[in-house]
Amino acid sequence: MLTKKEFEKFLDEVCTVLRQEAKNAPFKSQDIFENRVRALCIAKIPAYADIVINPEPVPQIFPDVPIGEYGVEVKFTLKDTWRSVANSIQEKNKADGVQHIYVVFGKMGGIPDVKWQLYEDSVIHVRTSHVPRFEVEIESDRPSLFEGFGISYAEFADLDMHEKMEYIRKYARNRLKEGERLWWIEDIDAVDSHDLPLEVRLYTSLPQEEKIRLRAEVALVSPRIVCSGRAKHKYDNAVLYLITYRGVLCHQARDLFSAGSVANSAEDYRGGNYVEKSLKLIEHEIEKAALEMDDALIVEYWGESVPTEKRLEYWIKMLDDLADGWIPSESLFNGRYKAK
């Protein structure tokens, strides 16, 4: 049995090693970093603790590395930020027996660094997807979300989903800016419904730079945009991603990629495949989004975790399987991401 003080000393030792390794050679992906965290936890856990740590990752378990009554949730980013999307507020797959959860965060952007923090202290926001998800930020200047709720994380975790949503709704109302509205059903019963609290902006009112960034993200999470114009559900994920993750309502989804205004540059001629042309114009932004997108989003929309360096190759392969009348792997990025 480890005391809290002993466990935090153990985390200090693990993060010291990870920090030095990251400075020598930054970790390349979430999977690589998480596996190294797990290996170091196994190597450095005190023998007297009499704790056996599973050497194999368990899909969807929370936290990622259960260690007796303690647990480590692993977060990772290639960006220069200590902020990341975290787990669903449902916590359906919480590991048995875990009572105290910590975050070990690997930040590879800027000066690579690795830090840990008590999970409940790092949660500073809740955002919505198919179900609401927490956001964590290491050593944030903001008070924790649970301080704002007026209850502890342990108390919140013990609530049923209906009771949790009452806190989420109140939080969302208090954050509304002038002109924003909540998109929801007030007394929601279906946990997996999309009708959840959300601050909504119109896509048409966004600045051009933000529109381009969002179109790159949408292209990644919604490969069906390259399907035939007659294909059903072609833009479903595009619309759902914008509304649930970005709080943006796009009432003409086809115009994201099929309109002449997004497919033709100033020097270009009209005609041809507008989706193909519109994607070619934002190749740089798509590459950037593929590097920076949270792994949780990749899993949600692609169905599995894909190493950062393999994401574009994986995405292009999906496009090739879906495209109508053209071959994305030959047209986009000068063929650089064509599967070998």
C-alpha atoms as a PDB file:
ATOM      1  CA  MET A   1       0.000   0.000   0.000  1.00  0.00           C
ATOM      2  CA  LEU A   2       1.337   3.417  -0.980  1.00  0.00           C
ATOM      3  CA  THR A   3       0.492   6.654   0.793  1.00  0.00           C
ATOM      4  CA  LYS A   4      -0.454   9.639  -1.332  1.00  0.00           C
ATOM      5  CA  LYS A   5       2.901  11.250  -0.542  1.00  0.00           C
ATOM      6  CA  GLU A   6       4.760   8.109  -1.616  1.00  0.00           C
ATOM      7  CA  PHE A   7       2.785   7.839  -4.842  1.00  0.00           C
ATOM      8  CA  GLU A   8       3.475  11.463  -5.741  1.00  0.00           C
ATOM      9  CA  LYS A   9       7.189  10.920  -5.106  1.00  0.00           C
ATOM     10  CA  PHE A  10       6.953   7.931  -7.450  1.00  0.00           C
ATOM     11  CA  LEU A  11       5.346  10.189 -10.099  1.00  0.00           C
ATOM     12  CA  ASP A  12       8.170  12.709  -9.647  1.00  0.00           C
ATOM     13  CA  GLU A  13      10.672   9.972 -10.473  1.00  0.00           C
ATOM     14  CA  VAL A  14       8.715   8.780 -13.510  1.00  0.00           C
ATOM     15  CA  CYS A  15       8.304  12.301 -14.897  1.00  0.00           C
ATOM     16  CA  THR A  16      11.969  13.155 -14.320  1.00  0.00           C
ATOM     17  CA  VAL A  17      12.983  10.274 -16.589  1.00  0.00           C
ATOM     18  CA  LEU A  18      10.302  11.092 -19.175  1.00  0.00           C
ATOM     19  CA  ARG A  19      11.280  14.762 -19.203  1.00  0.00           C
ATOM     20  CA  GLN A  20      14.915  13.993 -19.918  1.00  0.00           C
ATOM     21  CA  GLU A  21      14.009  11.481 -22.616  1.00  0.00           C
ATOM     22  CA  ALA A  22      11.662  13.997 -24.257  1.00  0.00           C
ATOM     23  CA  LYS A  23      14.374  16.659 -24.309  1.00  0.00           C
ATOM     24  CA  ASN A  24      16.847  14.217 -25.846  1.00  0.00           C
ATOM     25  CA  ALA A  25      14.386  12.907 -28.449  1.00  0.00           C
ATOM     26  CA  PRO A  26      10.754  14.099 -28.316  1.00  0.00           C
ATOM     27  CA  PHE A  27       8.121  11.380 -28.304  1.00  0.00           C
ATOM     28  CA  LYS A  28       6.362  11.119 -31.668  1.00  0.00           C
ATOM     29  CA  SER A  29       2.886   9.912 -30.757  1.00  0.00           C
ATOM     30  CA  GLN A  30       0.366   9.277 -28.000  1.00  0.00           C
ATOM     31  CA  ASP A  31       0.860   5.511 -28.237  1.00  0.00           C
ATOM     32  CA  ILE A  32       4.641   5.687 -27.910  1.00  0.00           C
ATOM     33  CA  PHE A  33       4.418   8.071 -24.959  1.00  0.00           C
ATOM     34  CA  GLU A  34       1.722   6.089 -23.155  1.00  0.00           C
ATOM     35  CA  ASN A  35       3.639   2.837 -23.553  1.00  0.00           C
ATOM     36  CA  ARG A  36       6.749   4.477 -22.106  1.00  0.00           C
ATOM     37  CA  VAL A  37       4.773   5.866 -19.162  1.00  0.00           C
ATOM     38  CA  ARG A  38       3.408   2.398 -18.469  1.00  0.00           C
ATOM     39  CA  ALA A  39       6.851   0.769 -18.728  1.00  0.00           C
ATOM     40  CA  LEU A  40       8.394   3.281 -16.314  1.00  0.00           C
ATOM     41  CA  CYS A  41       5.537   2.843 -13.851  1.00  0.00           C
ATOM     42  CA  ILE A  42       6.170  -0.900 -13.866  1.00  0.00           C
ATOM     43  CA  ALA A  43       9.918  -0.407 -13.467  1.00  0.00           C
ATOM     44  CA  LYS A  44       9.759   2.176 -10.689  1.00  0.00           C
ATOM     45  CA  ILE A  45       6.811   1.112  -8.542  1.00  0.00           C
ATOM     46  CA  PRO A  46       8.265   0.279  -5.092  1.00  0.00           C
ATOM     47  CA  ALA A  47       8.423  -3.448  -4.422  1.00  0.00           C
ATOM     48  CA  TYR A  48       6.857  -3.016  -0.975  1.00  0.00           C
ATOM     49  CA  ALA A  49       3.713  -1.596  -2.599  1.00  0.00           C
ATOM     50  CA  ASP A  50       2.887  -5.134  -3.769  1.00  0.00           C
ATOM     51  CA  ILE A  51       1.063  -3.795  -6.847  1.00  0.00           C
ATOM     52  CA  VAL A  52       0.943  -5.536 -10.224  1.00  0.00           C
ATOM     53  CA  ILE A  53       0.550  -3.167 -13.195  1.00  0.00           C
ATOM     54  CA  ASN A  54      -0.887  -4.558 -16.431  1.00  0.00           C
ATOM     55  CA  PRO A  55       1.868  -4.196 -19.082  1.00  0.00           C
ATOM     56  CA  GLU A  56      -0.707  -4.141 -21.899  1.00  0.00           C
ATOM     57  CA  PRO A  57      -2.955  -1.152 -22.670  1.00  0.00           C
ATOM     58  CA  VAL A  58      -6.672  -1.793 -22.192  1.00  0.00           C
ATOM     59  CA  PRO A  59      -8.807  -0.006 -24.819  1.00  0.00           C
ATOM     60  CA  GLN A  60     -11.035   2.784 -23.476  1.00  0.00           C
ATOM     61  CA  ILE A  61     -10.176   2.151 -19.812  1.00  0.00           C
ATOM     62  CA  PHE A  62     -10.027   5.166 -17.493  1.00  0.00           C
ATOM     63  CA  PRO A  63      -7.489   5.977 -16.263  1.00  0.00           C
ATOM     64  CA  ASP A  64      -4.975   4.580 -18.754  1.00  0.00           C
ATOM     65  CA  VAL A  65      -2.682   2.983 -16.161  1.00  0.00           C
ATOM     66  CA  PRO A  66      -4.436   1.628 -13.040  1.00  0.00           C
ATOM     67  CA  ILE A  67      -1.977   1.226 -10.138  1.00  0.00           C
ATOM     68  CA  GLY A  68      -3.872  -0.255  -7.214  1.00  0.00           C
ATOM     69  CA  GLU A  69      -6.039   2.454  -5.670  1.00  0.00           C
ATOM     70  CA  TYR A  70      -4.198   5.028  -7.790  1.00  0.00           C
ATOM     71  CA  GLY A  71      -4.360   5.625 -11.517  1.00  0.00           C
ATOM     72  CA  VAL A  72      -2.499   7.569 -14.202  1.00  0.00           C
ATOM     73  CA  GLU A  73      -4.334   9.169 -17.113  1.00  0.00           C
ATOM     74  CA  VAL A  74      -1.856   9.851 -19.919  1.00  0.00           C
ATOM     75  CA  LYS A  75      -2.216  12.977 -22.062  1.00  0.00           C
ATOM     76  CA  PHE A  76       0.040  13.917 -24.954  1.00  0.00           C
ATOM     77  CA  THR A  77       0.347  16.677 -27.532  1.00  0.00           C
ATOM     78  CA  LEU A  78       2.763  17.765 -30.238  1.00  0.00           C
ATOM     79  CA  LYS A  79       1.642  21.357 -29.676  1.00  0.00           C
ATOM     80  CA  ASP A  80       3.124  23.859 -27.228  1.00  0.00           C
ATOM     81  CA  THR A  81       0.205  23.683 -24.816  1.00  0.00           C
ATOM     82  CA  TRP A  82      -0.676  22.006 -21.543  1.00  0.00           C
ATOM     83  CA  ARG A  83      -4.344  21.716 -22.489  1.00  0.00           C
ATOM     84  CA  SER A  84      -6.108  18.639 -23.877  1.00  0.00           C
ATOM     85  CA  VAL A  85      -9.478  16.945 -24.267  1.00  0.00           C
ATOM     86  CA  ALA A  86      -9.974  14.359 -21.530  1.00  0.00           C
ATOM     87  CA  ASN A  87     -12.479  11.600 -20.769  1.00  0.00           C
ATOM     88  CA  SER A  88     -16.265  11.614 -20.943  1.00  0.00           C
ATOM     89  CA  ILE A  89     -18.108  12.741 -17.823  1.00  0.00           C
ATOM     90  CA  GLN A  90     -19.867   9.354 -17.876  1.00  0.00           C
ATOM     91  CA  GLU A  91     -16.691   7.425 -16.982  1.00  0.00           C
ATOM     92  CA  LYS A  92     -18.386   4.192 -18.064  1.00  0.00           C
ATOM     93  CA  ASN A  93     -15.070   2.337 -18.269  1.00  0.00           C
ATOM     94  CA  LYS A  94     -13.516   3.441 -14.994  1.00  0.00           C
ATOM     95  CA  ALA A  95     -11.077   0.873 -13.616  1.00  0.00           C
ATOM     96  CA  ASP A  96     -12.250  -1.003 -10.538  1.00  0.00           C
ATOM     97  CA  GLY A  97     -10.711   0.053  -7.246  1.00  0.00           C
ATOM     98  CA  VAL A  98      -9.115   3.280  -8.477  1.00  0.00           C
ATOM     99  CA  GLN A  99      -9.800   6.120  -6.049  1.00  0.00           C
ATOM    100  CA  HIS A 100      -7.076   8.692  -6.740  1.00  0.00           C
ATOM    101  CA  ILE A 101      -6.351   9.741 -10.333  1.00  0.00           C
ATOM    102  CA  TYR A 102      -3.391  11.719 -11.641  1.00  0.00           C
ATOM    103  CA  VAL A 103      -2.545  13.106 -15.088  1.00  0.00           C
ATOM    104  CA  VAL A 104       0.885  12.580 -16.628  1.00  0.00           C
ATOM    105  CA  PHE A 105       1.108  15.025 -19.527  1.00  0.00           C
ATOM    106  CA  GLY A 106       3.725  14.979 -22.271  1.00  0.00           C
ATOM    107  CA  LYS A 107       4.059  18.297 -24.110  1.00  0.00           C
ATOM    108  CA  MET A 108       6.331  17.949 -27.145  1.00  0.00           C
ATOM    109  CA  GLY A 109       5.768  21.375 -28.722  1.00  0.00           C
ATOM    110  CA  GLY A 110       8.097  24.266 -27.830  1.00  0.00           C
ATOM    111  CA  ILE A 111      10.502  23.012 -25.167  1.00  0.00           C
ATOM    112  CA  PRO A 112       9.498  19.364 -24.577  1.00  0.00           C
ATOM    113  CA  ASP A 113       8.416  18.720 -21.008  1.00  0.00           C
ATOM    114  CA  VAL A 114       6.490  16.222 -18.899  1.00  0.00           C
ATOM    115  CA  LYS A 115       4.499  17.079 -15.775  1.00  0.00           C
ATOM    116  CA  TRP A 116       1.949  15.455 -13.501  1.00  0.00           C
ATOM    117  CA  GLN A 117      -1.011  16.848 -11.589  1.00  0.00           C
ATOM    118  CA  LEU A 118      -3.923  15.531  -9.555  1.00  0.00           C
ATOM    119  CA  TYR A 119      -6.672  14.901 -12.107  1.00  0.00           C
ATOM    120  CA  GLU A 120      -9.434  16.802 -10.327  1.00  0.00           C
ATOM    121  CA  ASP A 121      -7.192  19.880 -10.035  1.00  0.00           C
ATOM    122  CA  SER A 122      -6.363  19.810 -13.761  1.00  0.00           C
ATOM    123  CA  VAL A 123      -9.955  19.692 -15.072  1.00  0.00           C
ATOM    124  CA  ILE A 124     -10.803  23.281 -16.014  1.00  0.00           C
ATOM    125  CA  HIS A 125     -13.582  23.003 -18.608  1.00  0.00           C
ATOM    126  CA  VAL A 126     -16.219  20.694 -20.048  1.00  0.00           C
ATOM    127  CA  ARG A 127     -16.980  20.592 -23.759  1.00  0.00           C
ATOM    128  CA  THR A 128     -19.578  18.620 -25.691  1.00  0.00           C
ATOM    129  CA  SER A 129     -19.342  15.826 -28.197  1.00  0.00           C
ATOM    130  CA  HIS A 130     -21.699  12.858 -28.373  1.00  0.00           C
ATOM    131  CA  VAL A 131     -21.460  13.213 -24.597  1.00  0.00           C
ATOM    132  CA  PRO A 132     -19.750  15.991 -22.641  1.00  0.00           C
ATOM    133  CA  ARG A 133     -15.990  15.639 -22.179  1.00  0.00           C
ATOM    134  CA  PHE A 134     -13.703  17.269 -19.665  1.00  0.00           C
ATOM    135  CA  GLU A 135     -10.732  19.382 -20.683  1.00  0.00           C
ATOM    136  CA  VAL A 136      -7.565  19.345 -18.603  1.00  0.00           C
ATOM    137  CA  GLU A 137      -4.798  21.908 -18.349  1.00  0.00           C
ATOM    138  CA  ILE A 138      -1.683  21.365 -16.273  1.00  0.00           C
ATOM    139  CA  GLU A 139      -0.915  24.105 -13.739  1.00  0.00           C
ATOM    140  CA  SER A 140      -3.659  26.334 -15.120  1.00  0.00           C
ATOM    141  CA  ASP A 141      -4.287  29.787 -13.688  1.00  0.00           C
ATOM    142  CA  ARG A 142      -7.995  28.986 -13.796  1.00  0.00           C
ATOM    143  CA  PRO A 143      -9.740  27.329 -10.854  1.00  0.00           C
ATOM    144  CA  SER A 144     -10.708  23.723 -11.394  1.00  0.00           C
ATOM    145  CA  LEU A 145     -14.122  22.956 -12.845  1.00  0.00           C
ATOM    146  CA  PHE A 146     -15.168  21.248  -9.629  1.00  0.00           C
ATOM    147  CA  GLU A 147     -14.333  24.316  -7.566  1.00  0.00           C
ATOM    148  CA  GLY A 148     -16.779  26.172  -9.802  1.00  0.00           C
ATOM    149  CA  PHE A 149     -19.347  23.425  -9.313  1.00  0.00           C
ATOM    150  CA  GLY A 150     -18.915  23.647  -5.550  1.00  0.00           C
ATOM    151  CA  ILE A 151     -18.378  19.894  -5.159  1.00  0.00           C
ATOM    152  CA  SER A 152     -15.384  17.579  -5.274  1.00  0.00           C
ATOM    153  CA  TYR A 153     -14.527  15.368  -8.229  1.00  0.00           C
ATOM    154  CA  ALA A 154     -15.319  12.290  -6.128  1.00  0.00           C
ATOM    155  CA  GLU A 155     -18.780  13.660  -5.332  1.00  0.00           C
ATOM    156  CA  PHE A 156     -19.408  14.523  -8.989  1.00  0.00           C
ATOM    157  CA  ALA A 157     -18.248  11.066 -10.139  1.00  0.00           C
ATOM    158  CA  ASP A 158     -20.808   9.424  -7.830  1.00  0.00           C
ATOM    159  CA  LEU A 159     -23.752  11.304  -9.366  1.00  0.00           C
ATOM    160  CA  ASP A 160     -25.985   9.722 -11.990  1.00  0.00           C
ATOM    161  CA  MET A 161     -25.923  11.199 -15.495  1.00  0.00           C
ATOM    162  CA  HIS A 162     -29.062  13.280 -15.003  1.00  0.00           C
ATOM    163  CA  GLU A 163     -27.577  14.923 -11.898  1.00  0.00           C
ATOM    164  CA  LYS A 164     -24.253  15.514 -13.659  1.00  0.00           C
ATOM    165  CA  MET A 165     -26.035  17.233 -16.543  1.00  0.00           C
ATOM    166  CA  GLU A 166     -27.651  19.707 -14.161  1.00  0.00           C
ATOM    167  CA  TYR A 167     -24.156  20.952 -13.257  1.00  0.00           C
ATOM    168  CA  ILE A 168     -23.105  20.997 -16.925  1.00  0.00           C
ATOM    169  CA  ARG A 169     -26.169  23.007 -17.988  1.00  0.00           C
ATOM    170  CA  LYS A 170     -25.642  25.591 -15.271  1.00  0.00           C
ATOM    171  CA  TYR A 171     -21.975  25.891 -16.229  1.00  0.00           C
ATOM    172  CA  ALA A 172     -22.867  26.328 -19.911  1.00  0.00           C
ATOM    173  CA  ARG A 173     -25.472  29.012 -19.179  1.00  0.00           C
ATOM    174  CA  ASN A 174     -22.986  31.037 -17.165  1.00  0.00           C
ATOM    175  CA  ARG A 175     -20.488  31.020 -20.066  1.00  0.00           C
ATOM    176  CA  LEU A 176     -22.835  32.321 -22.758  1.00  0.00           C
ATOM    177  CA  LYS A 177     -21.772  35.485 -24.532  1.00  0.00           C
ATOM    178  CA  GLU A 178     -24.085  38.041 -26.104  1.00  0.00           C
ATOM    179  CA  GLY A 179     -25.748  36.547 -29.161  1.00  0.00           C
ATOM    180  CA  GLU A 180     -24.992  32.928 -28.197  1.00  0.00           C
ATOM    181  CA  ARG A 181     -27.607  30.329 -27.385  1.00  0.00           C
ATOM    182  CA  LEU A 182     -27.707  26.867 -25.850  1.00  0.00           C
ATOM    183  CA  TRP A 183     -28.550  24.002 -28.180  1.00  0.00           C
ATOM    184  CA  TRP A 184     -30.141  21.284 -26.056  1.00  0.00           C
ATOM    185  CA  ILE A 185     -33.160  19.459 -24.705  1.00  0.00           C
ATOM    186  CA  GLU A 186     -33.699  20.745 -21.189  1.00  0.00           C
ATOM    187  CA  ASP A 187     -34.522  17.445 -19.465  1.00  0.00           C
ATOM    188  CA  ILE A 188     -32.331  15.100 -21.461  1.00  0.00           C
ATOM    189  CA  ASP A 189     -32.685  11.384 -20.778  1.00  0.00           C
ATOM    190  CA  ALA A 190     -30.739   9.869 -23.670  1.00  0.00           C
ATOM    191  CA  VAL A 191     -27.079  10.067 -22.693  1.00  0.00           C
ATOM    192  CA  ASP A 192     -25.857   9.517 -26.257  1.00  0.00           C
ATOM    193  CA  SER A 193     -28.036  12.234 -27.759  1.00  0.00           C
ATOM    194  CA  HIS A 194     -26.432  15.156 -29.531  1.00  0.00           C
ATOM    195  CA  ASP A 195     -28.895  17.530 -27.857  1.00  0.00           C
ATOM    196  CA  LEU A 196     -26.446  18.735 -25.229  1.00  0.00           C
ATOM    197  CA  PRO A 197     -25.462  22.189 -23.963  1.00  0.00           C
ATOM    198  CA  LEU A 198     -23.565  24.119 -26.570  1.00  0.00           C
ATOM    199  CA  GLU A 199     -22.727  27.729 -27.384  1.00  0.00           C
ATOM    200  CA  VAL A 200     -23.561  28.190 -31.072  1.00  0.00           C
ATOM    201  CA  ARG A 201     -22.061  30.476 -33.731  1.00  0.00           C
ATOM    202  CA  LEU A 202     -22.984  30.634 -37.407  1.00  0.00           C
ATOM    203  CA  TYR A 203     -20.325  29.374 -39.821  1.00  0.00           C
ATOM    204  CA  THR A 204     -21.115  32.180 -42.243  1.00  0.00           C
ATOM    205  CA  SER A 205     -20.214  34.790 -39.623  1.00  0.00           C
ATOM    206  CA  LEU A 206     -16.726  33.416 -38.879  1.00  0.00           C
ATOM    207  CA  PRO A 207     -13.506  35.089 -40.067  1.00  0.00           C
ATOM    208  CA  GLN A 208     -11.966  33.508 -43.168  1.00  0.00           C
ATOM    209  CA  GLU A 209      -8.918  32.160 -41.321  1.00  0.00           C
ATOM    210  CA  GLU A 210     -11.122  30.252 -38.877  1.00  0.00           C
ATOM    211  CA  LYS A 211     -13.298  28.906 -41.697  1.00  0.00           C
ATOM    212  CA  ILE A 212     -10.236  27.439 -43.424  1.00  0.00           C
ATOM    213  CA  ARG A 213      -8.974  25.861 -40.194  1.00  0.00           C
ATOM    214  CA  LEU A 214     -12.377  24.304 -39.499  1.00  0.00           C
ATOM    215  CA  ARG A 215     -12.684  22.988 -43.059  1.00  0.00           C
ATOM    216  CA  ALA A 216      -9.326  21.226 -42.640  1.00  0.00           C
ATOM    217  CA  GLU A 217     -10.514  19.600 -39.407  1.00  0.00           C
ATOM    218  CA  VAL A 218     -13.828  18.613 -40.981  1.00  0.00           C
ATOM    219  CA  ALA A 219     -12.035  17.032 -43.945  1.00  0.00           C
ATOM    220  CA  LEU A 220     -10.094  14.797 -41.560  1.00  0.00           C
ATOM    221  CA  VAL A 221     -13.002  13.641 -39.405  1.00  0.00           C
ATOM    222  CA  SER A 222     -15.393  13.273 -42.331  1.00  0.00           C
ATOM    223  CA  PRO A 223     -13.713  11.436 -45.238  1.00  0.00           C
ATOM    224  CA  ARG A 224     -17.155  10.811 -46.765  1.00  0.00           C
ATOM    225  CA  ILE A 225     -17.041  14.332 -48.197  1.00  0.00           C
ATOM    226  CA  VAL A 226     -15.368  12.796 -51.278  1.00  0.00           C
ATOM    227  CA  CYS A 227     -18.272  10.430 -51.944  1.00  0.00           C
ATOM    228  CA  SER A 228     -20.585  10.847 -54.887  1.00  0.00           C
ATOM    229  CA  GLY A 229     -22.974  13.767 -54.663  1.00  0.00           C
ATOM    230  CA  ARG A 230     -25.797  11.237 -54.474  1.00  0.00           C
ATOM    231  CA  ALA A 231     -24.314   9.425 -51.453  1.00  0.00           C
ATOM    232  CA  LYS A 232     -26.428   9.373 -48.302  1.00  0.00           C
ATOM    233  CA  HIS A 233     -25.056  10.852 -45.078  1.00  0.00           C
ATOM    234  CA  LYS A 234     -22.180  12.466 -46.986  1.00  0.00           C
ATOM    235  CA  TYR A 235     -21.981  15.478 -44.702  1.00  0.00           C
ATOM    236  CA  ASP A 236     -23.397  14.047 -41.458  1.00  0.00           C
ATOM    237  CA  ASN A 237     -20.082  13.860 -39.584  1.00  0.00           C
ATOM    238  CA  ALA A 238     -19.042  17.246 -40.944  1.00  0.00           C
ATOM    239  CA  VAL A 239     -22.123  18.936 -39.503  1.00  0.00           C
ATOM    240  CA  LEU A 240     -22.022  16.991 -36.229  1.00  0.00           C
ATOM    241  CA  TYR A 241     -18.333  17.731 -35.672  1.00  0.00           C
ATOM    242  CA  LEU A 242     -18.824  21.457 -36.184  1.00  0.00           C
ATOM    243  CA  ILE A 243     -21.831  21.691 -33.895  1.00  0.00           C
ATOM    244  CA  THR A 244     -20.691  19.356 -31.111  1.00  0.00           C
ATOM    245  CA  TYR A 245     -16.975  20.116 -30.983  1.00  0.00           C
ATOM    246  CA  ARG A 246     -16.709  23.663 -32.287  1.00  0.00           C
ATOM    247  CA  GLY A 247     -20.112  25.137 -31.474  1.00  0.00           C
ATOM    248  CA  VAL A 248     -20.573  26.162 -35.101  1.00  0.00           C
ATOM    249  CA  LEU A 249     -23.810  25.772 -37.060  1.00  0.00           C
ATOM    250  CA  CYS A 250     -23.305  25.243 -40.788  1.00  0.00           C
ATOM    251  CA  HIS A 251     -26.672  25.173 -42.537  1.00  0.00           C
ATOM    252  CA  GLN A 252     -25.201  24.599 -46.025  1.00  0.00           C
ATOM    253  CA  ALA A 253     -22.718  21.793 -45.400  1.00  0.00           C
ATOM    254  CA  ARG A 254     -22.103  21.057 -49.084  1.00  0.00           C
ATOM    255  CA  ASP A 255     -20.677  24.558 -49.503  1.00  0.00           C
ATOM    256  CA  LEU A 256     -17.773  23.633 -47.211  1.00  0.00           C
ATOM    257  CA  PHE A 257     -16.135  21.806 -50.131  1.00  0.00           C
ATOM    258  CA  SER A 258     -18.423  21.858 -53.175  1.00  0.00           C
ATOM    259  CA  ALA A 259     -18.983  25.574 -53.730  1.00  0.00           C
ATOM    260  CA  GLY A 260     -16.977  27.480 -56.308  1.00  0.00           C
ATOM    261  CA  SER A 261     -15.970  30.019 -53.665  1.00  0.00           C
ATOM    262  CA  VAL A 262     -13.889  27.395 -51.813  1.00  0.00           C
ATOM    263  CA  ALA A 263     -12.696  25.395 -54.826  1.00  0.00           C
ATOM    264  CA  ASN A 264     -11.290  28.108 -57.073  1.00  0.00           C
ATOM    265  CA  SER A 265      -8.293  30.306 -56.372  1.00  0.00           C
ATOM    266  CA  ALA A 266      -8.043  33.766 -57.911  1.00  0.00           C
ATOM    267  CA  GLU A 267      -6.036  32.407 -60.866  1.00  0.00           C
ATOM    268  CA  ASP A 268      -8.078  29.235 -61.297  1.00  0.00           C
ATOM    269  CA  TYR A 269     -10.672  28.349 -63.871  1.00  0.00           C
ATOM    270  CA  ARG A 270     -14.127  27.101 -63.008  1.00  0.00           C
ATOM    271  CA  GLY A 271     -15.094  23.497 -63.586  1.00  0.00           C
ATOM    272  CA  GLY A 272     -13.590  20.174 -62.588  1.00  0.00           C
ATOM    273  CA  ASN A 273     -14.110  18.338 -59.310  1.00  0.00           C
ATOM    274  CA  TYR A 274     -14.781  21.045 -56.738  1.00  0.00           C
ATOM    275  CA  VAL A 275     -14.210  18.802 -53.702  1.00  0.00           C
ATOM    276  CA  GLU A 276     -10.814  17.756 -55.066  1.00  0.00           C
ATOM    277  CA  LYS A 277      -9.847  21.347 -55.841  1.00  0.00           C
ATOM    278  CA  SER A 278     -11.048  22.662 -52.479  1.00  0.00           C
ATOM    279  CA  LEU A 279      -8.961  20.058 -50.609  1.00  0.00           C
ATOM    280  CA  LYS A 280      -5.852  20.877 -52.641  1.00  0.00           C
ATOM    281  CA  LEU A 281      -6.181  24.539 -51.648  1.00  0.00           C
ATOM    282  CA  ILE A 282      -6.047  23.691 -47.921  1.00  0.00           C
ATOM    283  CA  GLU A 283      -3.405  20.940 -47.962  1.00  0.00           C
ATOM    284  CA  HIS A 284      -1.140  22.850 -45.580  1.00  0.00           C
ATOM    285  CA  GLU A 285      -3.965  23.327 -43.076  1.00  0.00           C
ATOM    286  CA  ILE A 286      -4.937  19.636 -43.326  1.00  0.00           C
ATOM    287  CA  GLU A 287      -1.350  18.583 -42.566  1.00  0.00           C
ATOM    288  CA  LYS A 288      -1.312  20.894 -39.548  1.00  0.00           C
ATOM    289  CA  ALA A 289      -4.670  19.604 -38.289  1.00  0.00           C
ATOM    290  CA  ALA A 290      -3.533  15.983 -38.653  1.00  0.00           C
ATOM    291  CA  LEU A 291      -0.519  16.683 -36.453  1.00  0.00           C
ATOM    292  CA  GLU A 292      -2.435  18.581 -33.785  1.00  0.00           C
ATOM    293  CA  MET A 293      -5.809  16.822 -33.553  1.00  0.00           C
ATOM    294  CA  ASP A 294      -6.476  15.128 -30.222  1.00  0.00           C
ATOM    295  CA  ASP A 295      -6.278  11.355 -30.308  1.00  0.00           C
ATOM    296  CA  ALA A 296      -9.744  11.177 -28.706  1.00  0.00           C
ATOM    297  CA  LEU A 297     -11.214  12.781 -31.828  1.00  0.00           C
ATOM    298  CA  ILE A 298      -9.363  10.409 -34.132  1.00  0.00           C
ATOM    299  CA  VAL A 299     -10.728   7.431 -32.205  1.00  0.00           C
ATOM    300  CA  GLU A 300     -14.242   8.854 -32.182  1.00  0.00           C
ATOM    301  CA  TYR A 301     -14.453   9.557 -35.911  1.00  0.00           C
ATOM    302  CA  TRP A 302     -12.118   6.921 -37.389  1.00  0.00           C
ATOM    303  CA  GLY A 303     -12.874   4.145 -34.940  1.00  0.00           C
ATOM    304  CA  GLU A 304      -9.291   3.582 -33.811  1.00  0.00           C
ATOM    305  CA  SER A 305      -6.174   5.401 -32.659  1.00  0.00           C
ATOM    306  CA  VAL A 306      -3.682   6.131 -35.453  1.00  0.00           C
ATOM    307  CA  PRO A 307      -0.091   7.284 -34.767  1.00  0.00           C
ATOM    308  CA  THR A 308       0.330  10.953 -35.629  1.00  0.00           C
ATOM    309  CA  GLU A 309       2.880  10.322 -38.360  1.00  0.00           C
ATOM    310  CA  LYS A 310       0.556   7.797 -40.053  1.00  0.00           C
ATOM    311  CA  ARG A 311      -2.661   9.822 -39.934  1.00  0.00           C
ATOM    312  CA  LEU A 312      -2.508  11.371 -43.398  1.00  0.00           C
ATOM    313  CA  GLU A 313      -1.590   8.088 -45.054  1.00  0.00           C
ATOM    314  CA  TYR A 314      -4.503   6.429 -43.229  1.00  0.00           C
ATOM    315  CA  TRP A 315      -6.866   9.275 -44.178  1.00  0.00           C
ATOM    316  CA  ILE A 316      -5.817   9.229 -47.838  1.00  0.00           C
ATOM    317  CA  LYS A 317      -6.486   5.489 -47.957  1.00  0.00           C
ATOM    318  CA  MET A 318     -10.008   6.128 -46.651  1.00  0.00           C
ATOM    319  CA  LEU A 319     -10.495   8.802 -49.323  1.00  0.00           C
ATOM    320  CA  ASP A 320      -9.330   6.427 -52.062  1.00  0.00           C
ATOM    321  CA  ASP A 321     -11.919   3.885 -50.920  1.00  0.00           C
ATOM    322  CA  LEU A 322     -14.703   6.472 -50.985  1.00  0.00           C
ATOM    323  CA  ALA A 323     -13.875   8.928 -53.789  1.00  0.00           C
ATOM    324  CA  ASP A 324     -15.966   9.087 -56.929  1.00  0.00           C
ATOM    325  CA  GLY A 325     -14.258   9.940 -60.226  1.00  0.00           C
ATOM    326  CA  TRP A 326     -10.759  10.756 -58.944  1.00  0.00           C
ATOM    327  CA  ILE A 327      -7.903   9.200 -56.949  1.00  0.00           C
ATOM    328  CA  PRO A 328      -7.030  11.303 -53.865  1.00  0.00           C
ATOM    329  CA  SER A 329      -3.704   9.528 -53.210  1.00  0.00           C
ATOM    330  CA  GLU A 330      -2.468  10.655 -56.630  1.00  0.00           C
ATOM    331  CA  SER A 331      -4.016  14.119 -56.623  1.00  0.00           C
ATOM    332  CA  LEU A 332      -3.434  15.412 -53.082  1.00  0.00           C
ATOM    333  CA  PHE A 333      -0.072  16.366 -51.556  1.00  0.00           C
ATOM    334  CA  ASN A 334       1.703  15.398 -54.826  1.00  0.00           C
ATOM    335  CA  GLY A 335       1.202  11.755 -53.898  1.00  0.00           C
ATOM    336  CA  ARG A 336       3.384  11.981 -50.756  1.00  0.00           C
ATOM    337  CA  TYR A 337       0.933  10.096 -48.547  1.00  0.00           C
ATOM    338  CA  LYS A 338       0.039   7.309 -50.947  1.00  0.00           C
ATOM    339  CA  ALA A 339       0.189   3.958 -49.151  1.00  0.00           C
ATOM    340  CA  LYS A 340       3.367   2.084 -49.952  1.00  0.00           C
END
